[in-house]
PDB file of all heavy atoms in Angstrom:
ATOM      1  N   PHE A   1     104.951 -21.666-157.752  1.00  0.00           N
ATOM      2  CA  PHE A   1     104.607 -22.268-158.996  1.00  0.00           C
ATOM      3  C   PHE A   1     105.066 -23.689-159.053  1.00  0.00           C
ATOM      4  O   PHE A   1     105.974 -24.073-158.338  1.00  0.00           O
ATOM      5  CB  PHE A   1     105.221 -21.441-160.176  1.00  0.00           C
ATOM      6  CG  PHE A   1     104.835 -20.023-160.174  1.00  0.00           C
ATOM      7  CD1 PHE A   1     105.492 -19.061-159.454  1.00  0.00           C
ATOM      8  CD2 PHE A   1     103.812 -19.559-160.992  1.00  0.00           C
ATOM      9  CE1 PHE A   1     105.128 -17.714-159.457  1.00  0.00           C
ATOM     10  CE2 PHE A   1     103.418 -18.271-161.044  1.00  0.00           C
ATOM     11  CZ  PHE A   1     104.108 -17.344-160.292  1.00  0.00           C
ATOM     12  N   ARG A   2     104.457 -24.476-159.887  1.00  0.00           N
ATOM     13  CA  ARG A   2     104.892 -25.848-160.022  1.00  0.00           C
ATOM     14  C   ARG A   2     104.820 -26.275-161.506  1.00  0.00           C
ATOM     15  O   ARG A   2     104.166 -25.672-162.338  1.00  0.00           O
ATOM     16  CB  ARG A   2     104.016 -26.795-159.207  1.00  0.00           C
ATOM     17  CG  ARG A   2     102.550 -26.870-159.674  1.00  0.00           C
ATOM     18  CD  ARG A   2     101.711 -27.708-158.706  1.00  0.00           C
ATOM     19  NE  ARG A   2     100.332 -27.853-159.098  1.00  0.00           N
ATOM     20  CZ  ARG A   2      99.371 -28.349-158.368  1.00  0.00           C
ATOM     21  NH1 ARG A   2      99.670 -28.781-157.134  1.00  0.00           N
ATOM     22  NH2 ARG A   2      98.139 -28.412-158.821  1.00  0.00           N
ATOM     23  N   GLN A   3     105.588 -27.282-161.788  1.00  0.00           N
ATOM     24  CA  GLN A   3     105.677 -27.808-163.086  1.00  0.00           C
ATOM     25  C   GLN A   3     105.687 -29.295-163.063  1.00  0.00           C
ATOM     26  O   GLN A   3     106.612 -29.950-162.565  1.00  0.00           O
ATOM     27  CB  GLN A   3     106.937 -27.317-163.842  1.00  0.00           C
ATOM     28  CG  GLN A   3     107.022 -27.715-165.326  1.00  0.00           C
ATOM     29  CD  GLN A   3     108.224 -27.095-166.014  1.00  0.00           C
ATOM     30  OE1 GLN A   3     109.263 -26.924-165.446  1.00  0.00           O
ATOM     31  NE2 GLN A   3     108.021 -26.748-167.282  1.00  0.00           N
ATOM     32  N   ALA A   4     104.645 -29.929-163.589  1.00  0.00           N
ATOM     33  CA  ALA A   4     104.574 -31.379-163.689  1.00  0.00           C
ATOM     34  C   ALA A   4     105.305 -31.788-164.963  1.00  0.00           C
ATOM     35  O   ALA A   4     105.518 -30.973-165.897  1.00  0.00           O
ATOM     36  CB  ALA A   4     103.110 -31.780-163.736  1.00  0.00           C
ATOM     37  N   PRO A   5     105.763 -33.042-164.982  1.00  0.00           N
ATOM     38  CA  PRO A   5     106.517 -33.501-166.167  1.00  0.00           C
ATOM     39  C   PRO A   5     105.669 -33.282-167.443  1.00  0.00           C
ATOM     40  O   PRO A   5     104.547 -33.691-167.576  1.00  0.00           O
ATOM     41  CB  PRO A   5     106.679 -34.988-165.859  1.00  0.00           C
ATOM     42  CG  PRO A   5     106.673 -35.074-164.416  1.00  0.00           C
ATOM     43  CD  PRO A   5     105.714 -34.020-163.962  1.00  0.00           C
ATOM     44  N   GLY A   6     106.311 -32.665-168.416  1.00  0.00           N
ATOM     45  CA  GLY A   6     105.737 -32.385-169.700  1.00  0.00           C
ATOM     46  C   GLY A   6     104.702 -31.310-169.692  1.00  0.00           C
ATOM     47  O   GLY A   6     104.007 -31.082-170.722  1.00  0.00           O
ATOM     48  N   LYS A   7     104.516 -30.602-168.561  1.00  0.00           N
ATOM     49  CA  LYS A   7     103.525 -29.544-168.478  1.00  0.00           C
ATOM     50  C   LYS A   7     104.175 -28.180-168.334  1.00  0.00           C
ATOM     51  O   LYS A   7     105.395 -28.054-167.978  1.00  0.00           O
ATOM     52  CB  LYS A   7     102.609 -29.803-167.251  1.00  0.00           C
ATOM     53  CG  LYS A   7     101.896 -31.100-167.281  1.00  0.00           C
ATOM     54  CD  LYS A   7     100.840 -31.128-168.355  1.00  0.00           C
ATOM     55  CE  LYS A   7     100.002 -32.464-168.244  1.00  0.00           C
ATOM     56  NZ  LYS A   7      98.916 -32.506-169.218  1.00  0.00           N
ATOM     57  N   GLU A   8     103.400 -27.163-168.558  1.00  0.00           N
ATOM     58  CA  GLU A   8     103.849 -25.795-168.366  1.00  0.00           C
ATOM     59  C   GLU A   8     103.794 -25.450-166.901  1.00  0.00           C
ATOM     60  O   GLU A   8     103.138 -26.100-166.111  1.00  0.00           O
ATOM     61  CB  GLU A   8     103.066 -24.816-169.225  1.00  0.00           C
ATOM     62  CG  GLU A   8     103.177 -25.016-170.713  1.00  0.00           C
ATOM     63  CD  GLU A   8     102.410 -24.002-171.525  1.00  0.00           C
ATOM     64  OE1 GLU A   8     101.646 -23.217-170.944  1.00  0.00           O
ATOM     65  OE2 GLU A   8     102.588 -23.937-172.736  1.00  0.00           O
ATOM     66  N   HIS A   9     104.450 -24.326-166.538  1.00  0.00           N
ATOM     67  CA  HIS A   9     104.336 -23.852-165.208  1.00  0.00           C
ATOM     68  C   HIS A   9     102.953 -23.469-164.861  1.00  0.00           C
ATOM     69  O   HIS A   9     102.204 -22.925-165.661  1.00  0.00           O
ATOM     70  CB  HIS A   9     105.292 -22.661-165.003  1.00  0.00           C
ATOM     71  CG  HIS A   9     106.751 -23.025-165.008  1.00  0.00           C
ATOM     72  ND1 HIS A   9     107.444 -23.190-166.142  1.00  0.00           N
ATOM     73  CD2 HIS A   9     107.546 -23.214-163.938  1.00  0.00           C
ATOM     74  CE1 HIS A   9     108.751 -23.417-165.833  1.00  0.00           C
ATOM     75  NE2 HIS A   9     108.846 -23.462-164.482  1.00  0.00           N
ATOM     76  N   GLU A  10     102.579 -23.725-163.571  1.00  0.00           N
ATOM     77  CA  GLU A  10     101.265 -23.448-163.075  1.00  0.00           C
ATOM     78  C   GLU A  10     101.416 -22.650-161.862  1.00  0.00           C
ATOM     79  O   GLU A  10     102.203 -23.008-160.951  1.00  0.00           O
ATOM     80  CB  GLU A  10     100.498 -24.703-162.843  1.00  0.00           C
ATOM     81  CG  GLU A  10      99.140 -24.498-162.165  1.00  0.00           C
ATOM     82  CD  GLU A  10      98.492 -25.772-161.651  1.00  0.00           C
ATOM     83  OE1 GLU A  10      99.164 -26.799-161.626  1.00  0.00           O
ATOM     84  OE2 GLU A  10      97.244 -25.733-161.340  1.00  0.00           O
ATOM     85  N   GLY A  11     100.650 -21.572-161.750  1.00  0.00           N
ATOM     86  CA  GLY A  11     100.623 -20.792-160.528  1.00  0.00           C
ATOM     87  C   GLY A  11      99.802 -21.536-159.428  1.00  0.00           C
ATOM     88  O   GLY A  11      98.686 -21.881-159.683  1.00  0.00           O
ATOM     89  N   VAL A  12     100.472 -21.770-158.342  1.00  0.00           N
ATOM     90  CA  VAL A  12      99.842 -22.451-157.219  1.00  0.00           C
ATOM     91  C   VAL A  12      99.202 -21.487-156.205  1.00  0.00           C
ATOM     92  O   VAL A  12      98.065 -21.605-155.884  1.00  0.00           O
ATOM     93  CB  VAL A  12     100.820 -23.389-156.557  1.00  0.00           C
ATOM     94  CG1 VAL A  12     100.191 -24.095-155.323  1.00  0.00           C
ATOM     95  CG2 VAL A  12     101.298 -24.467-157.506  1.00  0.00           C
ATOM     96  N   SER A  13     100.044 -20.619-155.742  1.00  0.00           N
ATOM     97  CA  SER A  13      99.563 -19.600-154.745  1.00  0.00           C
ATOM     98  C   SER A  13     100.557 -18.421-154.734  1.00  0.00           C
ATOM     99  O   SER A  13     101.756 -18.645-154.832  1.00  0.00           O
ATOM    100  CB  SER A  13      99.526 -20.293-153.363  1.00  0.00           C
ATOM    101  OG  SER A  13      99.042 -19.370-152.387  1.00  0.00           O
ATOM    102  N   CYS A  14      99.968 -17.258-154.595  1.00  0.00           N
ATOM    103  CA  CYS A  14     100.773 -16.049-154.505  1.00  0.00           C
ATOM    104  C   CYS A  14     100.173 -15.058-153.559  1.00  0.00           C
ATOM    105  O   CYS A  14      98.963 -15.185-153.237  1.00  0.00           O
ATOM    106  CB  CYS A  14     100.830 -15.389-155.937  1.00  0.00           C
ATOM    107  SG  CYS A  14     101.549 -16.410-157.217  1.00  0.00           S
ATOM    108  N   MET A  15     100.964 -14.141-153.125  1.00  0.00           N
ATOM    109  CA  MET A  15     100.501 -13.073-152.234  1.00  0.00           C
ATOM    110  C   MET A  15     101.225 -11.803-152.476  1.00  0.00           C
ATOM    111  O   MET A  15     102.452 -11.819-152.822  1.00  0.00           O
ATOM    112  CB  MET A  15     100.571 -13.505-150.748  1.00  0.00           C
ATOM    113  CG  MET A  15     101.949 -13.672-150.213  1.00  0.00           C
ATOM    114  SD  MET A  15     102.064 -14.441-148.572  1.00  0.00           S
ATOM    115  CE  MET A  15     100.929 -13.296-147.682  1.00  0.00           C
ATOM    116  N   GLU A  16     100.567 -10.695-152.272  1.00  0.00           N
ATOM    117  CA  GLU A  16     101.201  -9.368-152.329  1.00  0.00           C
ATOM    118  C   GLU A  16     102.078  -9.156-151.119  1.00  0.00           C
ATOM    119  O   GLU A  16     101.912  -9.845-150.115  1.00  0.00           O
ATOM    120  CB  GLU A  16     100.124  -8.313-152.505  1.00  0.00           C
ATOM    121  CG  GLU A  16      99.392  -8.333-153.824  1.00  0.00           C
ATOM    122  CD  GLU A  16      98.363  -7.272-154.009  1.00  0.00           C
ATOM    123  OE1 GLU A  16      98.172  -6.464-153.004  1.00  0.00           O
ATOM    124  OE2 GLU A  16      97.872  -7.051-155.093  1.00  0.00           O
ATOM    125  N   HIS A  17     102.916  -8.200-151.225  1.00  0.00           N
ATOM    126  CA  HIS A  17     103.880  -7.948-150.186  1.00  0.00           C
ATOM    127  C   HIS A  17     103.217  -7.521-148.883  1.00  0.00           C
ATOM    128  O   HIS A  17     103.670  -7.775-147.751  1.00  0.00           O
ATOM    129  CB  HIS A  17     104.881  -6.868-150.558  1.00  0.00           C
ATOM    130  CG  HIS A  17     104.379  -5.514-150.674  1.00  0.00           C
ATOM    131  ND1 HIS A  17     103.464  -5.053-151.546  1.00  0.00           N
ATOM    132  CD2 HIS A  17     104.543  -4.414-149.787  1.00  0.00           C
ATOM    133  CE1 HIS A  17     103.151  -3.824-151.406  1.00  0.00           C
ATOM    134  NE2 HIS A  17     103.813  -3.401-150.294  1.00  0.00           N
ATOM    135  N   ASN A  18     102.047  -6.893-148.986  1.00  0.00           N
ATOM    136  CA  ASN A  18     101.349  -6.378-147.848  1.00  0.00           C
ATOM    137  C   ASN A  18     100.340  -7.379-147.241  1.00  0.00           C
ATOM    138  O   ASN A  18      99.567  -7.040-146.366  1.00  0.00           O
ATOM    139  CB  ASN A  18     100.636  -5.053-148.136  1.00  0.00           C
ATOM    140  CG  ASN A  18      99.674  -5.189-149.311  1.00  0.00           C
ATOM    141  OD1 ASN A  18      99.309  -6.235-149.773  1.00  0.00           O
ATOM    142  ND2 ASN A  18      99.250  -4.009-149.801  1.00  0.00           N
ATOM    143  N   ASP A  19     100.281  -8.541-147.803  1.00  0.00           N
ATOM    144  CA  ASP A  19      99.437  -9.667-147.364  1.00  0.00           C
ATOM    145  C   ASP A  19      97.931  -9.400-147.542  1.00  0.00           C
ATOM    146  O   ASP A  19      97.145 -10.157-147.045  1.00  0.00           O
ATOM    147  CB  ASP A  19      99.681  -9.978-145.877  1.00  0.00           C
ATOM    148  CG  ASP A  19     101.062 -10.548-145.676  1.00  0.00           C
ATOM    149  OD1 ASP A  19     101.772 -10.859-146.609  1.00  0.00           O
ATOM    150  OD2 ASP A  19     101.460 -10.684-144.521  1.00  0.00           O
ATOM    151  N   LEU A  20      97.618  -8.310-148.264  1.00  0.00           N
ATOM    152  CA  LEU A  20      96.189  -7.976-148.430  1.00  0.00           C
ATOM    153  C   LEU A  20      95.443  -8.836-149.450  1.00  0.00           C
ATOM    154  O   LEU A  20      94.245  -8.898-149.455  1.00  0.00           O
ATOM    155  CB  LEU A  20      96.017  -6.497-148.708  1.00  0.00           C
ATOM    156  CG  LEU A  20      96.456  -5.521-147.600  1.00  0.00           C
ATOM    157  CD1 LEU A  20      96.295  -4.119-148.073  1.00  0.00           C
ATOM    158  CD2 LEU A  20      95.664  -5.846-146.334  1.00  0.00           C
ATOM    159  N   SER A  21      96.218  -9.401-150.393  1.00  0.00           N
ATOM    160  CA  SER A  21      95.666 -10.179-151.444  1.00  0.00           C
ATOM    161  C   SER A  21      96.401 -11.492-151.648  1.00  0.00           C
ATOM    162  O   SER A  21      97.629 -11.467-151.773  1.00  0.00           O
ATOM    163  CB  SER A  21      95.630  -9.355-152.731  1.00  0.00           C
ATOM    164  OG  SER A  21      95.048 -10.082-153.800  1.00  0.00           O
ATOM    165  N   LYS A  22      95.666 -12.545-151.697  1.00  0.00           N
ATOM    166  CA  LYS A  22      96.219 -13.893-151.908  1.00  0.00           C
ATOM    167  C   LYS A  22      95.479 -14.538-152.988  1.00  0.00           C
ATOM    168  O   LYS A  22      94.289 -14.356-153.214  1.00  0.00           O
ATOM    169  CB  LYS A  22      96.195 -14.715-150.626  1.00  0.00           C
ATOM    170  CG  LYS A  22      96.992 -14.144-149.489  1.00  0.00           C
ATOM    171  CD  LYS A  22      96.905 -15.082-148.269  1.00  0.00           C
ATOM    172  CE  LYS A  22      97.700 -14.512-147.103  1.00  0.00           C
ATOM    173  NZ  LYS A  22      97.624 -15.417-145.922  1.00  0.00           N
ATOM    174  N   TYR A  23      96.217 -15.412-153.734  1.00  0.00           N
ATOM    175  CA  TYR A  23      95.614 -16.211-154.817  1.00  0.00           C
ATOM    176  C   TYR A  23      95.941 -17.650-154.612  1.00  0.00           C
ATOM    177  O   TYR A  23      97.054 -18.032-154.278  1.00  0.00           O
ATOM    178  CB  TYR A  23      96.143 -15.774-156.106  1.00  0.00           C
ATOM    179  CG  TYR A  23      95.840 -16.634-157.299  1.00  0.00           C
ATOM    180  CD1 TYR A  23      94.671 -16.500-158.043  1.00  0.00           C
ATOM    181  CD2 TYR A  23      96.716 -17.664-157.656  1.00  0.00           C
ATOM    182  CE1 TYR A  23      94.341 -17.342-159.044  1.00  0.00           C
ATOM    183  CE2 TYR A  23      96.439 -18.492-158.669  1.00  0.00           C
ATOM    184  CZ  TYR A  23      95.258 -18.334-159.396  1.00  0.00           C
ATOM    185  OH  TYR A  23      94.985 -19.174-160.463  1.00  0.00           O
ATOM    186  N   TYR A  24      94.903 -18.517-154.871  1.00  0.00           N
ATOM    187  CA  TYR A  24      95.113 -19.972-154.910  1.00  0.00           C
ATOM    188  C   TYR A  24      94.482 -20.460-156.104  1.00  0.00           C
ATOM    189  O   TYR A  24      93.395 -20.147-156.515  1.00  0.00           O
ATOM    190  CB  TYR A  24      94.445 -20.625-153.643  1.00  0.00           C
ATOM    191  CG  TYR A  24      95.061 -20.175-152.319  1.00  0.00           C
ATOM    192  CD1 TYR A  24      94.532 -19.178-151.536  1.00  0.00           C
ATOM    193  CD2 TYR A  24      96.196 -20.860-151.854  1.00  0.00           C
ATOM    194  CE1 TYR A  24      95.152 -18.863-150.295  1.00  0.00           C
ATOM    195  CE2 TYR A  24      96.790 -20.523-150.664  1.00  0.00           C
ATOM    196  CZ  TYR A  24      96.269 -19.504-149.850  1.00  0.00           C
ATOM    197  OH  TYR A  24      96.808 -19.198-148.666  1.00  0.00           O
ATOM    198  N   ALA A  25      95.283 -21.375-156.750  1.00  0.00           N
ATOM    199  CA  ALA A  25      94.693 -22.124-157.858  1.00  0.00           C
ATOM    200  C   ALA A  25      93.468 -22.934-157.410  1.00  0.00           C
ATOM    201  O   ALA A  25      93.490 -23.387-156.245  1.00  0.00           O
ATOM    202  CB  ALA A  25      95.728 -22.996-158.511  1.00  0.00           C
ATOM    203  N   ASP A  26      92.535 -23.072-158.237  1.00  0.00           N
ATOM    204  CA  ASP A  26      91.331 -23.805-157.851  1.00  0.00           C
ATOM    205  C   ASP A  26      91.668 -25.237-157.399  1.00  0.00           C
ATOM    206  O   ASP A  26      90.981 -25.780-156.489  1.00  0.00           O
ATOM    207  CB  ASP A  26      90.329 -23.861-158.994  1.00  0.00           C
ATOM    208  CG  ASP A  26      89.627 -22.536-159.312  1.00  0.00           C
ATOM    209  OD1 ASP A  26      89.675 -21.661-158.383  1.00  0.00           O
ATOM    210  OD2 ASP A  26      89.140 -22.372-160.391  1.00  0.00           O
ATOM    211  N   SER A  27      92.646 -25.856-157.959  1.00  0.00           N
ATOM    212  CA  SER A  27      92.996 -27.184-157.636  1.00  0.00           C
ATOM    213  C   SER A  27      93.579 -27.399-156.270  1.00  0.00           C
ATOM    214  O   SER A  27      93.603 -28.504-155.759  1.00  0.00           O
ATOM    215  CB  SER A  27      93.999 -27.704-158.702  1.00  0.00           C
ATOM    216  OG  SER A  27      95.170 -26.986-158.724  1.00  0.00           O
ATOM    217  N   VAL A  28      94.040 -26.316-155.630  1.00  0.00           N
ATOM    218  CA  VAL A  28      94.650 -26.369-154.312  1.00  0.00           C
ATOM    219  C   VAL A  28      93.872 -25.593-153.279  1.00  0.00           C
ATOM    220  O   VAL A  28      94.217 -25.707-152.051  1.00  0.00           O
ATOM    221  CB  VAL A  28      96.097 -25.917-154.352  1.00  0.00           C
ATOM    222  CG1 VAL A  28      96.914 -26.627-155.442  1.00  0.00           C
ATOM    223  CG2 VAL A  28      96.193 -24.399-154.514  1.00  0.00           C
ATOM    224  N   LYS A  29      92.888 -24.950-153.658  1.00  0.00           N
ATOM    225  CA  LYS A  29      92.118 -24.082-152.710  1.00  0.00           C
ATOM    226  C   LYS A  29      91.483 -24.957-151.614  1.00  0.00           C
ATOM    227  O   LYS A  29      90.919 -25.953-151.890  1.00  0.00           O
ATOM    228  CB  LYS A  29      91.027 -23.329-153.469  1.00  0.00           C
ATOM    229  CG  LYS A  29      90.424 -22.173-152.686  1.00  0.00           C
ATOM    230  CD  LYS A  29      89.534 -21.358-153.603  1.00  0.00           C
ATOM    231  CE  LYS A  29      90.281 -20.795-154.825  1.00  0.00           C
ATOM    232  NZ  LYS A  29      89.457 -19.934-155.677  1.00  0.00           N
ATOM    233  N   GLY A  30      91.698 -24.520-150.354  1.00  0.00           N
ATOM    234  CA  GLY A  30      91.252 -25.248-149.228  1.00  0.00           C
ATOM    235  C   GLY A  30      92.171 -26.236-148.708  1.00  0.00           C
ATOM    236  O   GLY A  30      92.064 -26.776-147.615  1.00  0.00           O
ATOM    237  N   ARG A  31      93.264 -26.532-149.473  1.00  0.00           N
ATOM    238  CA  ARG A  31      94.272 -27.518-149.086  1.00  0.00           C
ATOM    239  C   ARG A  31      95.648 -26.866-148.824  1.00  0.00           C
ATOM    240  O   ARG A  31      96.406 -27.352-147.905  1.00  0.00           O
ATOM    241  CB  ARG A  31      94.450 -28.603-150.107  1.00  0.00           C
ATOM    242  CG  ARG A  31      93.178 -29.423-150.320  1.00  0.00           C
ATOM    243  CD  ARG A  31      93.424 -30.602-151.254  1.00  0.00           C
ATOM    244  NE  ARG A  31      93.842 -30.172-152.597  1.00  0.00           N
ATOM    245  CZ  ARG A  31      95.061 -30.444-153.111  1.00  0.00           C
ATOM    246  NH1 ARG A  31      95.908 -31.197-152.481  1.00  0.00           N
ATOM    247  NH2 ARG A  31      95.386 -30.013-154.345  1.00  0.00           N
ATOM    248  N   PHE A  32      95.995 -25.791-149.534  1.00  0.00           N
ATOM    249  CA  PHE A  32      97.259 -25.143-149.409  1.00  0.00           C
ATOM    250  C   PHE A  32      97.132 -23.802-148.819  1.00  0.00           C
ATOM    251  O   PHE A  32      96.054 -23.124-148.961  1.00  0.00           O
ATOM    252  CB  PHE A  32      97.891 -24.958-150.825  1.00  0.00           C
ATOM    253  CG  PHE A  32      98.338 -26.252-151.485  1.00  0.00           C
ATOM    254  CD1 PHE A  32      98.008 -27.491-150.997  1.00  0.00           C
ATOM    255  CD2 PHE A  32      99.113 -26.178-152.666  1.00  0.00           C
ATOM    256  CE1 PHE A  32      98.453 -28.666-151.636  1.00  0.00           C
ATOM    257  CE2 PHE A  32      99.592 -27.313-153.233  1.00  0.00           C
ATOM    258  CZ  PHE A  32      99.205 -28.555-152.783  1.00  0.00           C
ATOM    259  N   THR A  33      98.178 -23.368-148.095  1.00  0.00           N
ATOM    260  CA  THR A  33      98.149 -22.084-147.427  1.00  0.00           C
ATOM    261  C   THR A  33      99.538 -21.409-147.666  1.00  0.00           C
ATOM    262  O   THR A  33     100.566 -22.003-147.357  1.00  0.00           O
ATOM    263  CB  THR A  33      97.916 -22.184-145.920  1.00  0.00           C
ATOM    264  OG1 THR A  33      96.632 -22.771-145.733  1.00  0.00           O
ATOM    265  CG2 THR A  33      97.869 -20.791-145.351  1.00  0.00           C
TER     266      THR A  33
END
């Protein structure tokens, strides 16, 4: 998660323990892993 100055927390990327499901925020998709 990340928090920019004056902003709320934003989910950037997450994954389940079994690696079967991952999530990327639209703003970072294709750039973050």
